[in-house]
């Protein structure tokens, strides 16, 4: 049985309960994992609190913290195949993706933020002749990090790398669906000698374990990635103790294709944007906005290429597509597909529903004739479903792209650089990718407009702002003091 990782050691849950983690591709059990009760969560937070208040981590020479983060990156790379297969089996993601992106990206994140540790600087305000004012940055404290199941290892690294680089301690709660790579990461941290309590990993449902964690009075800040409905619950939890909150929530990314766009590039970009990881991506390009004059040609090319994608066993490197993470989520995606058909969208690509023993294998789906008011165009499906909308001029295209409750990312395709930047300024999203330039970079912040979140994920200056406190020290140099109240 997989245990909890608390205070530098492995332990069973206080209540003795377990959660069986299954392989969504086969339905077979993978491992039994201890479920953290409120008592276990309290032990984890107390351990992180001691490590922060009394331990060496926040007080170390920053370069030493950086070396440990680099060792963590090296440890991930040394076990690349093990990490990749763990997430592939756990969530049904193709092995070509976990090997090619997820694991290398996680290692790169830790290596990148290892270089931040000794770059965290304050300011000096020396404009007054008799006063010196210093602003310094200090680690914030204990951070509760709650991550989803779509990129188990990568999402954990996105949280942990900046949190730890800034000198904080952390309690990580992975999704109950996908806790295995988080445990493997804790194992690597343990082997290289992370001080006890700096990194703690607890598992369980959001309703029980997650709630106990984010409501704990020993937590200084909550950082969460997931559904916007759960993000609202995080805001409620943060009211207890006036905790800080960083939320990276849902998206409904538009891919706006202008008539002069390079069509071959667009086809590959659109297909990757929505069908990579079967659309289980917060920035999935689920809305394709195409000009009426190029609609037929572009859609035909996309359909032809999608029909050539190979879907099957996620452990087979030849397959482009694996399966969705849970049968329940697969049913949710199917309900969206059925609702779109009822609302009048025209399905131009839809494979057959799989037999019960392959319940999580959802085929790619493309809807044409989608109108902005349809559910499929407004709500995050988080699945392999592309909605094609048609526009007639630039003004209408921008209006349609912005007609959404979310604003995490937008894609724009054109060969006219000036036009691209003009439109990018008008799109309501925290990240604009022009001609496929949307790759994740550790030093580039991810902001969410509207319902897509609060605060910034990643970015060096932004990480310092999110995970450190600012302190002002006002030093009087005057030899003559105010006579008041004498």
Protein backbone atom coordinates (compact mmCIF):
# COMPACT_ATOMS: atom_id res chain seq x y z
CA UNK A 1 0.00 0.00 0.00
CA UNK A 2 1.20 3.54 -0.84
CA UNK A 3 1.51 5.63 2.31
CA UNK A 4 1.37 9.32 3.12
CA UNK A 5 4.61 11.29 3.14
CA UNK A 6 4.70 13.51 6.24
CA UNK A 7 7.61 15.10 8.12
CA UNK A 8 10.26 13.29 6.11
CA UNK A 9 8.80 9.80 6.54
CA UNK A 10 6.17 7.39 5.23
CA UNK A 11 3.13 6.66 7.35
CA UNK A 12 -0.30 5.05 7.14
CA UNK A 13 -3.44 7.13 7.45
CA UNK A 14 -4.80 7.51 10.98
CA UNK A 15 -8.19 6.13 9.97
CA UNK A 16 -6.76 3.12 8.16
CA UNK A 17 -8.81 3.81 5.03
CA UNK A 18 -7.51 3.22 1.52
CA UNK A 19 -8.31 4.42 -1.99
CA UNK A 20 -7.76 2.07 -4.91
CA UNK A 21 -6.16 3.79 -7.88
CA UNK A 22 -7.12 2.20 -11.21
CA UNK A 23 -5.83 2.17 -14.76
CA UNK A 24 -8.53 3.95 -16.83
CA UNK A 25 -7.46 2.14 -20.00
CA UNK A 26 -8.13 -1.31 -18.55
CA UNK A 27 -10.04 -0.79 -15.32
CA UNK A 28 -7.40 -2.83 -13.49
CA UNK A 29 -6.25 -1.70 -10.02
CA UNK A 30 -2.82 -0.08 -9.89
CA UNK A 31 -2.27 0.55 -6.19
CA UNK A 32 -3.95 1.06 -2.85
CA UNK A 33 -3.25 4.50 -1.39
CA UNK A 34 -3.78 5.63 2.19
CA UNK A 35 -6.50 8.25 2.61
CA UNK A 36 -5.54 11.23 4.76
CA UNK A 37 -8.04 12.11 7.47
CA UNK A 38 -8.33 15.50 9.12
CA UNK A 39 -5.90 14.23 11.75
CA UNK A 40 -3.35 13.31 9.06
CA UNK A 41 -3.74 16.69 7.41
CA UNK A 42 -3.13 18.36 10.76
CA UNK A 43 0.08 16.33 11.20
CA UNK A 44 1.26 17.35 7.73
CA UNK A 45 0.57 21.04 8.27
CA UNK A 46 2.17 20.95 11.72
CA UNK A 47 5.25 19.32 10.20
CA UNK A 48 5.43 21.99 7.50
CA UNK A 49 4.94 24.65 10.16
CA UNK A 50 7.83 23.35 12.27
CA UNK A 51 10.03 23.06 9.20
CA UNK A 52 9.29 26.68 8.36
CA UNK A 53 9.43 28.16 11.87
CA UNK A 54 12.37 26.13 13.21
CA UNK A 55 13.98 24.23 10.34
CA UNK A 56 16.83 25.11 8.02
CA UNK A 57 15.00 25.46 4.69
CA UNK A 58 13.98 29.16 4.88
CA UNK A 59 17.29 30.06 6.57
CA UNK A 60 19.69 28.27 4.26
CA UNK A 61 21.99 30.09 1.90
CA UNK A 62 19.68 30.38 -1.13
CA UNK A 63 22.29 28.70 -3.30
CA UNK A 64 21.96 25.56 -1.19
CA UNK A 65 18.21 25.51 -1.77
CA UNK A 66 18.92 25.93 -5.45
CA UNK A 67 21.32 22.97 -5.47
CA UNK A 68 18.68 20.75 -3.91
CA UNK A 69 16.13 21.78 -6.53
CA UNK A 70 18.67 20.93 -9.24
CA UNK A 71 19.22 17.55 -7.62
CA UNK A 72 15.46 17.05 -7.68
CA UNK A 73 15.46 17.85 -11.39
CA UNK A 74 18.30 15.38 -11.96
CA UNK A 75 16.47 12.74 -9.94
CA UNK A 76 13.38 13.12 -12.12
CA UNK A 77 15.44 12.80 -15.30
CA UNK A 78 17.22 9.72 -13.94
CA UNK A 79 13.83 8.02 -13.50
CA UNK A 80 12.18 9.44 -16.60
CA UNK A 81 10.74 6.14 -17.80
CA UNK A 82 9.37 5.29 -14.36
CA UNK A 83 7.67 8.67 -13.97
CA UNK A 84 6.33 8.54 -17.53
CA UNK A 85 4.86 5.07 -17.21
CA UNK A 86 3.40 5.93 -13.80
CA UNK A 87 1.35 8.83 -15.20
CA UNK A 88 0.48 6.92 -18.38
CA UNK A 89 -0.96 4.03 -16.39
CA UNK A 90 -2.58 6.34 -13.85
CA UNK A 91 -4.49 8.70 -16.20
CA UNK A 92 -4.37 7.04 -19.64
CA UNK A 93 -2.11 9.64 -21.24
CA UNK A 94 -0.05 8.33 -24.19
CA UNK A 95 3.48 7.32 -23.23
CA UNK A 96 4.82 9.41 -26.12
CA UNK A 97 3.45 12.50 -24.32
CA UNK A 98 4.53 11.67 -20.77
CA UNK A 99 8.04 10.83 -22.01
CA UNK A 100 8.22 13.67 -24.49
CA UNK A 101 6.66 16.49 -22.46
CA UNK A 102 5.32 15.83 -18.96
CA UNK A 103 8.42 14.44 -17.27
CA UNK A 104 11.03 16.60 -19.07
CA UNK A 105 8.91 19.69 -18.38
CA UNK A 106 8.70 18.87 -14.67
CA UNK A 107 12.47 18.46 -14.46
CA UNK A 108 13.01 21.71 -16.37
CA UNK A 109 10.73 23.58 -13.97
CA UNK A 110 12.75 22.55 -10.93
CA UNK A 111 16.02 23.34 -12.69
CA UNK A 112 14.76 26.73 -13.85
CA UNK A 113 13.53 27.80 -10.42
CA UNK A 114 16.74 26.53 -8.83
CA UNK A 115 18.29 29.60 -10.44
CA UNK A 116 15.77 31.93 -8.80
CA UNK A 117 16.70 31.22 -5.20
CA UNK A 118 19.50 33.80 -4.88
CA UNK A 119 17.89 36.36 -7.21
CA UNK A 120 15.05 37.32 -4.84
CA UNK A 121 15.77 40.95 -4.05
CA UNK A 122 14.14 43.89 -2.33
CA UNK A 123 14.53 47.64 -2.75
CA UNK A 124 16.06 50.61 -1.01
CA UNK A 125 14.19 53.91 -0.80
CA UNK A 126 16.85 56.46 0.04
CA UNK A 127 15.32 59.75 -1.06
CA UNK A 128 15.01 61.25 2.44
CA UNK A 129 18.29 62.61 3.91
CA UNK A 130 17.47 61.49 7.45
CA UNK A 131 15.74 58.18 6.73
CA UNK A 132 16.64 54.90 5.06
CA UNK A 133 13.78 52.60 4.06
CA UNK A 134 14.40 49.03 3.00
CA UNK A 135 11.92 46.66 1.41
CA UNK A 136 12.86 43.02 1.79
CA UNK A 137 11.23 39.82 0.59
CA UNK A 138 10.77 36.92 3.00
CA UNK A 139 9.34 33.41 2.55
CA UNK A 140 5.62 33.35 3.17
CA UNK A 141 5.22 30.19 5.27
CA UNK A 142 3.21 27.01 4.74
CA UNK A 143 1.59 26.66 1.33
CA UNK A 144 -1.28 24.26 0.57
CA UNK A 145 -0.91 23.12 -3.04
CA UNK A 146 -3.86 21.31 -4.61
CA UNK A 147 -3.41 19.97 -8.15
CA UNK A 148 -5.65 18.19 -10.71
CA UNK A 149 -5.24 14.90 -12.55
CA UNK A 150 -4.67 15.95 -16.16
CA UNK A 151 -0.89 16.52 -15.84
CA UNK A 152 -0.11 14.90 -12.49
CA UNK A 153 3.66 15.37 -12.32
CA UNK A 154 3.86 18.58 -14.34
CA UNK A 155 1.14 20.29 -12.31
CA UNK A 156 2.91 19.33 -9.09
CA UNK A 157 6.18 20.80 -10.41
CA UNK A 158 4.45 24.01 -11.52
CA UNK A 159 3.40 24.52 -7.90
CA UNK A 160 6.37 23.13 -6.01
CA UNK A 161 9.26 24.66 -7.94
CA UNK A 162 8.46 28.35 -7.21
CA UNK A 163 7.07 27.61 -3.73
CA UNK A 164 10.25 25.84 -2.64
CA UNK A 165 12.59 28.24 -4.44
CA UNK A 166 11.11 31.10 -2.42
CA UNK A 167 11.91 29.29 0.83
CA UNK A 168 8.44 28.07 1.80
CA UNK A 169 7.34 24.66 3.02
CA UNK A 170 4.43 22.86 1.41
CA UNK A 171 1.69 20.29 1.80
CA UNK A 172 0.81 18.87 -1.61
CA UNK A 173 -2.53 17.22 -2.26
CA UNK A 174 -2.65 15.51 -5.64
CA UNK A 175 -5.96 14.46 -7.13
CA UNK A 176 -7.35 11.27 -5.66
CA UNK A 177 -7.45 10.03 -9.25
CA UNK A 178 -3.71 10.45 -9.86
CA UNK A 179 -1.55 10.46 -6.71
CA UNK A 180 1.16 8.03 -7.80
CA UNK A 181 3.71 10.34 -9.44
CA UNK A 182 3.46 12.77 -6.51
CA UNK A 183 4.49 9.92 -4.22
CA UNK A 184 7.35 9.06 -6.54
CA UNK A 185 8.44 12.70 -6.45
CA UNK A 186 8.40 12.63 -2.64
CA UNK A 187 10.55 9.50 -2.81
CA UNK A 188 13.15 11.32 -4.93
CA UNK A 189 13.11 14.33 -2.56
CA UNK A 190 13.58 11.99 0.39
CA UNK A 191 16.52 10.23 -1.25
CA UNK A 192 18.41 13.45 -1.94
CA UNK A 193 17.93 14.68 1.62
CA UNK A 194 15.20 17.30 1.70
CA UNK A 195 14.81 18.41 5.34
CA UNK A 196 11.83 16.81 7.13
CA UNK A 197 8.59 18.73 6.76
CA UNK A 198 9.62 20.81 3.77
CA UNK A 199 7.60 18.67 1.36
CA UNK A 200 4.59 16.68 2.56
CA UNK A 201 2.19 14.69 0.37
CA UNK A 202 -1.32 13.73 1.50
CA UNK A 203 -3.98 11.97 -0.55
CA UNK A 204 -7.74 11.83 -0.45
CA UNK A 205 -10.83 13.42 -1.89
CA UNK A 206 -11.23 17.14 -2.25
CA UNK A 207 -14.34 17.12 -0.09
CA UNK A 208 -12.54 15.57 2.88
CA UNK A 209 -8.75 15.85 2.62
CA UNK A 210 -8.72 18.98 0.49
CA UNK A 211 -11.19 20.82 2.67
CA UNK A 212 -9.27 19.95 5.84
CA UNK A 213 -6.07 21.20 4.24
CA UNK A 214 -7.23 24.54 2.88
CA UNK A 215 -9.19 25.37 6.04
CA UNK A 216 -6.30 24.56 8.37
CA UNK A 217 -5.25 27.63 10.40
CA UNK A 218 -1.58 26.74 9.95
CA UNK A 219 -1.73 27.31 6.20
CA UNK A 220 -0.60 30.73 4.96
CA UNK A 221 -1.63 30.46 1.32
CA UNK A 222 -3.68 28.21 -0.96
CA UNK A 223 -2.61 27.55 -4.52
CA UNK A 224 -5.07 25.56 -6.61
CA UNK A 225 -5.49 24.45 -10.19
CA UNK A 226 -8.78 22.96 -11.30
CA UNK A 227 -12.44 23.65 -12.01
CA UNK A 228 -13.74 27.16 -11.41
CA UNK A 229 -16.55 25.76 -9.25
CA UNK A 230 -13.95 24.34 -6.87
CA UNK A 231 -12.04 27.62 -7.06
CA UNK A 232 -15.06 29.36 -5.56
CA UNK A 233 -14.91 26.91 -2.65
CA UNK A 234 -11.24 27.77 -2.20
CA UNK A 235 -12.14 31.43 -1.87
CA UNK A 236 -14.60 30.54 0.86
CA UNK A 237 -11.98 28.45 2.66
CA UNK A 238 -9.45 31.29 2.46
CA UNK A 239 -11.73 33.53 4.51
CA UNK A 240 -10.75 31.49 7.56
CA UNK A 241 -7.44 32.98 8.65
CA UNK A 242 -7.35 35.50 5.78
CA UNK A 243 -5.21 33.18 3.68
CA UNK A 244 -3.71 34.21 0.39
CA UNK A 245 -5.11 32.53 -2.72
CA UNK A 246 -3.68 31.75 -6.15
CA UNK A 247 -6.21 30.13 -8.50
CA UNK A 248 -5.62 28.78 -12.01
CA UNK A 249 -9.05 27.74 -13.19
CA UNK A 250 -10.89 26.77 -16.35
CA UNK A 251 -10.53 27.94 -19.91
CA UNK A 252 -12.41 28.06 -23.19
CA UNK A 253 -9.60 28.96 -25.56
CA UNK A 254 -10.54 30.45 -28.94
CA UNK A 255 -8.34 29.73 -31.96
CA UNK A 256 -8.90 32.69 -34.27
CA UNK A 257 -7.78 31.95 -37.83
CA UNK A 258 -7.43 34.97 -40.14
CA UNK A 259 -7.74 34.53 -43.92
CA UNK A 260 -4.02 35.03 -44.55
CA UNK A 261 -2.95 32.35 -42.06
CA UNK A 262 -0.61 29.52 -43.19
CA UNK A 263 -3.18 26.72 -43.54
CA UNK A 264 -0.88 23.74 -42.99
CA UNK A 265 0.43 25.26 -39.78
CA UNK A 266 -3.11 26.01 -38.67
CA UNK A 267 -4.29 22.44 -39.23
CA UNK A 268 -1.55 20.97 -37.06
CA UNK A 269 -1.92 23.69 -34.45
CA UNK A 270 -5.68 23.30 -34.15
CA UNK A 271 -5.51 19.51 -33.91
CA UNK A 272 -2.76 19.62 -31.30
CA UNK A 273 -4.56 22.36 -29.40
CA UNK A 274 -7.74 20.38 -28.83
CA UNK A 275 -6.87 16.69 -29.17
CA UNK A 276 -3.55 16.58 -27.31
CA UNK A 277 -4.26 14.68 -24.07
CA UNK A 278 -7.81 14.28 -25.43
CA UNK A 279 -8.59 17.90 -24.63
CA UNK A 280 -7.94 17.46 -20.90
CA UNK A 281 -5.95 20.68 -20.88
CA UNK A 282 -7.00 23.96 -19.27
CA UNK A 283 -5.85 25.88 -22.37
CA UNK A 284 -7.33 23.41 -24.88
CA UNK A 285 -8.29 25.24 -28.10
CA UNK A 286 -11.88 24.12 -28.00
CA UNK A 287 -13.34 26.97 -30.12
CA UNK A 288 -12.16 27.33 -33.73
CA UNK A 289 -13.13 30.69 -35.24
CA UNK A 290 -12.69 30.63 -39.01
CA UNK A 291 -13.57 33.13 -41.74
CA UNK A 292 -16.51 32.14 -43.93
CA UNK A 293 -14.38 32.20 -47.10
CA UNK A 294 -11.86 29.67 -45.82
CA UNK A 295 -14.21 27.59 -43.66
CA UNK A 296 -14.82 24.69 -46.03
CA UNK A 297 -11.20 24.16 -47.06
CA UNK A 298 -9.80 24.39 -43.53
CA UNK A 299 -12.46 22.15 -42.01
CA UNK A 300 -11.95 19.51 -44.70
CA UNK A 301 -8.20 19.42 -44.03
CA UNK A 302 -8.71 19.19 -40.27
CA UNK A 303 -11.27 16.38 -40.58
CA UNK A 304 -9.01 14.38 -42.90
CA UNK A 305 -6.07 14.60 -40.53
CA UNK A 306 -8.10 13.85 -37.41
CA UNK A 307 -9.46 10.70 -38.99
CA UNK A 308 -5.85 9.50 -39.30
CA UNK A 309 -5.06 9.81 -35.59
CA UNK A 310 -4.36 6.53 -33.85
CA UNK A 311 -6.15 5.88 -30.57
CA UNK A 312 -5.53 2.89 -28.33
CA UNK A 313 -3.30 1.46 -25.62
CA UNK A 314 -1.64 4.49 -23.94
CA UNK A 315 1.54 2.48 -23.33
CA UNK A 316 2.05 1.98 -27.08
CA UNK A 317 4.28 4.80 -28.44
CA UNK A 318 2.60 4.47 -31.85
CA UNK A 319 -0.72 5.85 -30.56
CA UNK A 320 -1.50 9.57 -30.63
CA UNK A 321 -4.49 9.30 -28.29
CA UNK A 322 -5.06 7.35 -25.10
CA UNK A 323 -8.14 7.56 -22.91
CA UNK A 324 -9.85 9.94 -20.52
CA UNK A 325 -8.90 9.78 -16.86
CA UNK A 326 -12.10 8.33 -15.38
CA UNK A 327 -15.35 6.71 -16.56
CA UNK A 328 -17.27 9.48 -14.78
CA UNK A 329 -15.48 12.18 -16.75
CA UNK A 330 -16.06 10.25 -19.97
CA UNK A 331 -19.79 10.28 -19.24
CA UNK A 332 -19.62 14.05 -18.68
CA UNK A 333 -18.01 14.55 -22.09
CA UNK A 334 -20.66 12.36 -23.73
CA UNK A 335 -23.41 14.45 -22.16
CA UNK A 336 -21.89 17.59 -23.69
CA UNK A 337 -21.80 15.87 -27.09
CA UNK A 338 -25.45 14.84 -26.81
CA UNK A 339 -26.47 18.33 -25.69
CA UNK A 340 -24.65 19.93 -28.63
CA UNK A 341 -26.56 17.69 -31.04
CA UNK A 342 -29.84 18.60 -29.34
CA UNK A 343 -29.02 22.31 -29.66
CA UNK A 344 -28.47 21.97 -33.42
CA UNK A 345 -24.69 21.72 -33.86
CA UNK A 346 -23.69 19.51 -36.79
CA UNK A 347 -21.35 16.64 -35.93
CA UNK A 348 -18.80 16.11 -38.71
CA UNK A 349 -16.41 13.78 -36.85
CA UNK A 350 -17.49 11.28 -34.22
CA UNK A 351 -16.19 7.78 -33.69
CA UNK A 352 -18.25 4.99 -32.21
CA UNK A 353 -18.63 4.78 -28.45
CA UNK A 354 -16.37 2.01 -27.13
CA UNK A 355 -17.55 -1.19 -25.42
CA UNK A 356 -17.95 -1.18 -21.62
CA UNK A 357 -14.50 -2.66 -21.03
CA UNK A 358 -13.00 0.40 -22.77
CA UNK A 359 -15.31 2.90 -21.11
CA UNK A 360 -12.75 5.73 -20.93
CA UNK A 361 -11.82 5.72 -24.62
CA UNK A 362 -13.68 8.71 -26.06
CA UNK A 363 -13.09 9.43 -29.77
CA UNK A 364 -12.33 12.89 -31.18
CA UNK A 365 -15.46 14.90 -32.00
CA UNK A 366 -15.84 17.96 -34.24
CA UNK A 367 -18.99 20.08 -34.37
CA UNK A 368 -19.63 22.54 -37.19
CA UNK A 369 -22.29 25.22 -37.33
CA UNK A 370 -21.77 26.07 -33.67
CA UNK A 371 -23.33 29.34 -32.49
CA UNK A 372 -21.84 31.48 -29.69
CA UNK A 373 -24.83 30.88 -27.41
CA UNK A 374 -24.64 27.08 -27.52
CA UNK A 375 -23.51 25.26 -24.38
CA UNK A 376 -20.68 23.58 -26.27
CA UNK A 377 -19.28 27.04 -27.10
CA UNK A 378 -19.55 28.44 -23.58
CA UNK A 379 -18.73 25.74 -21.03
CA UNK A 380 -15.44 23.92 -20.52
CA UNK A 381 -15.91 20.35 -21.78
CA UNK A 382 -12.37 19.25 -20.88
CA UNK A 383 -12.51 16.59 -23.54
CA UNK A 384 -11.74 15.92 -27.23
CA UNK A 385 -14.51 18.11 -28.62
CA UNK A 386 -13.87 20.91 -31.14
CA UNK A 387 -16.50 23.57 -31.87
CA UNK A 388 -16.24 25.36 -35.23
CA UNK A 389 -17.72 28.86 -35.43
CA UNK A 390 -17.78 31.08 -38.55
CA UNK A 391 -17.19 34.83 -38.65
CA UNK A 392 -17.31 37.40 -41.49
CA UNK A 393 -15.04 40.23 -40.38
CA UNK A 394 -12.36 41.02 -37.83
CA UNK A 395 -14.67 42.89 -35.49
CA UNK A 396 -17.08 39.95 -35.31
CA UNK A 397 -14.21 37.52 -34.76
CA UNK A 398 -12.88 39.48 -31.78
CA UNK A 399 -16.35 39.81 -30.34
CA UNK A 400 -16.96 36.06 -30.63
CA UNK A 401 -13.56 35.23 -29.13
CA UNK A 402 -14.27 37.42 -26.10
CA UNK A 403 -17.88 36.23 -25.69
CA UNK A 404 -16.96 33.82 -22.93
CA UNK A 405 -16.77 33.67 -19.14
CA UNK A 406 -13.17 32.45 -19.28
CA UNK A 407 -9.95 34.12 -20.36
CA UNK A 408 -6.97 31.86 -19.80
CA UNK A 409 -5.54 31.75 -23.32
CA UNK A 410 -6.28 32.64 -26.93
CA UNK A 411 -4.67 31.43 -30.16
CA UNK A 412 -4.26 33.69 -33.19
CA UNK A 413 -3.14 32.68 -36.68
CA UNK A 414 -2.01 35.23 -39.29
CA UNK A 415 1.05 36.25 -41.30
CA UNK A 416 0.41 39.97 -40.67
CA UNK A 417 2.44 40.87 -37.59
CA UNK A 418 0.89 44.29 -37.06
CA UNK A 419 -2.61 42.91 -37.32
CA UNK A 420 -1.70 40.09 -34.95
CA UNK A 421 -0.51 42.48 -32.26
CA UNK A 422 -3.50 44.78 -32.76
CA UNK A 423 -5.92 41.90 -32.26
CA UNK A 424 -3.88 40.43 -29.39
CA UNK A 425 -4.33 43.71 -27.50
CA UNK A 426 -8.10 43.32 -27.81
CA UNK A 427 -8.40 39.65 -26.81
CA UNK A 428 -9.43 39.13 -23.20
CA UNK A 429 -7.04 36.41 -22.08
CA UNK A 430 -3.93 36.14 -19.95
CA UNK A 431 -1.85 34.46 -22.66
CA UNK A 432 -2.03 35.02 -26.42
CA UNK A 433 -0.27 32.51 -28.69
CA UNK A 434 0.43 33.79 -32.20
CA UNK A 435 1.06 31.16 -34.89
CA UNK A 436 1.53 28.36 -32.40
CA UNK A 437 3.80 30.13 -29.92
CA UNK A 438 2.03 28.91 -26.82
CA UNK A 439 4.59 26.52 -25.30
CA UNK A 440 4.86 26.48 -21.51
CA UNK A 441 7.90 28.40 -20.28
CA UNK A 442 8.92 28.52 -16.59
CA UNK A 443 9.79 32.22 -16.74
CA UNK A 444 6.56 33.30 -18.49
CA UNK A 445 3.61 33.94 -16.17
CA UNK A 446 0.15 32.48 -16.70
CA UNK A 447 -2.61 34.91 -15.78
CA UNK A 448 -6.32 34.24 -15.93
CA UNK A 449 -8.85 36.85 -17.01
CA UNK A 450 -12.48 36.72 -15.84
CA UNK A 451 -13.42 33.30 -14.39
CA UNK A 452 -10.05 31.77 -15.25
CA UNK A 453 -8.33 32.61 -12.02
CA UNK A 454 -6.65 34.94 -9.56
CA UNK A 455 -2.93 35.67 -9.47
CA UNK A 456 -0.12 34.35 -11.64
CA UNK A 457 1.16 30.84 -12.15
CA UNK A 458 4.90 30.71 -12.97
CA UNK A 459 7.00 33.70 -14.01
CA UNK A 460 10.00 34.69 -11.87
CA UNK A 461 8.93 38.14 -10.68
CA UNK A 462 5.38 36.87 -10.34
CA UNK A 463 6.48 33.83 -8.30
CA UNK A 464 8.32 36.09 -5.88
CA UNK A 465 5.20 38.23 -5.54
CA UNK A 466 2.95 35.18 -5.03
CA UNK A 467 5.10 33.23 -2.59
CA UNK A 468 6.95 35.78 -0.49
CA UNK A 469 5.89 38.52 1.91
CA UNK A 470 7.09 42.09 1.57
CA UNK A 471 8.47 43.80 4.65
CA UNK A 472 9.42 47.48 4.94
CA UNK A 473 12.12 48.51 7.44
CA UNK A 474 12.26 52.25 8.19
CA UNK A 475 15.55 53.34 9.71
CA UNK A 476 15.83 56.90 11.06
CA UNK A 477 19.25 58.51 10.62
CA UNK A 478 18.27 61.73 12.33
CA UNK A 479 20.07 62.72 15.53
CA UNK A 480 17.29 65.10 16.45
CA UNK A 481 14.00 63.50 17.34
CA UNK A 482 10.54 65.00 17.34
CA UNK A 483 9.82 66.75 20.65
CA UNK A 484 6.21 65.57 20.77
CA UNK A 485 4.63 65.02 23.27
CA UNK A 486 7.03 67.04 25.41
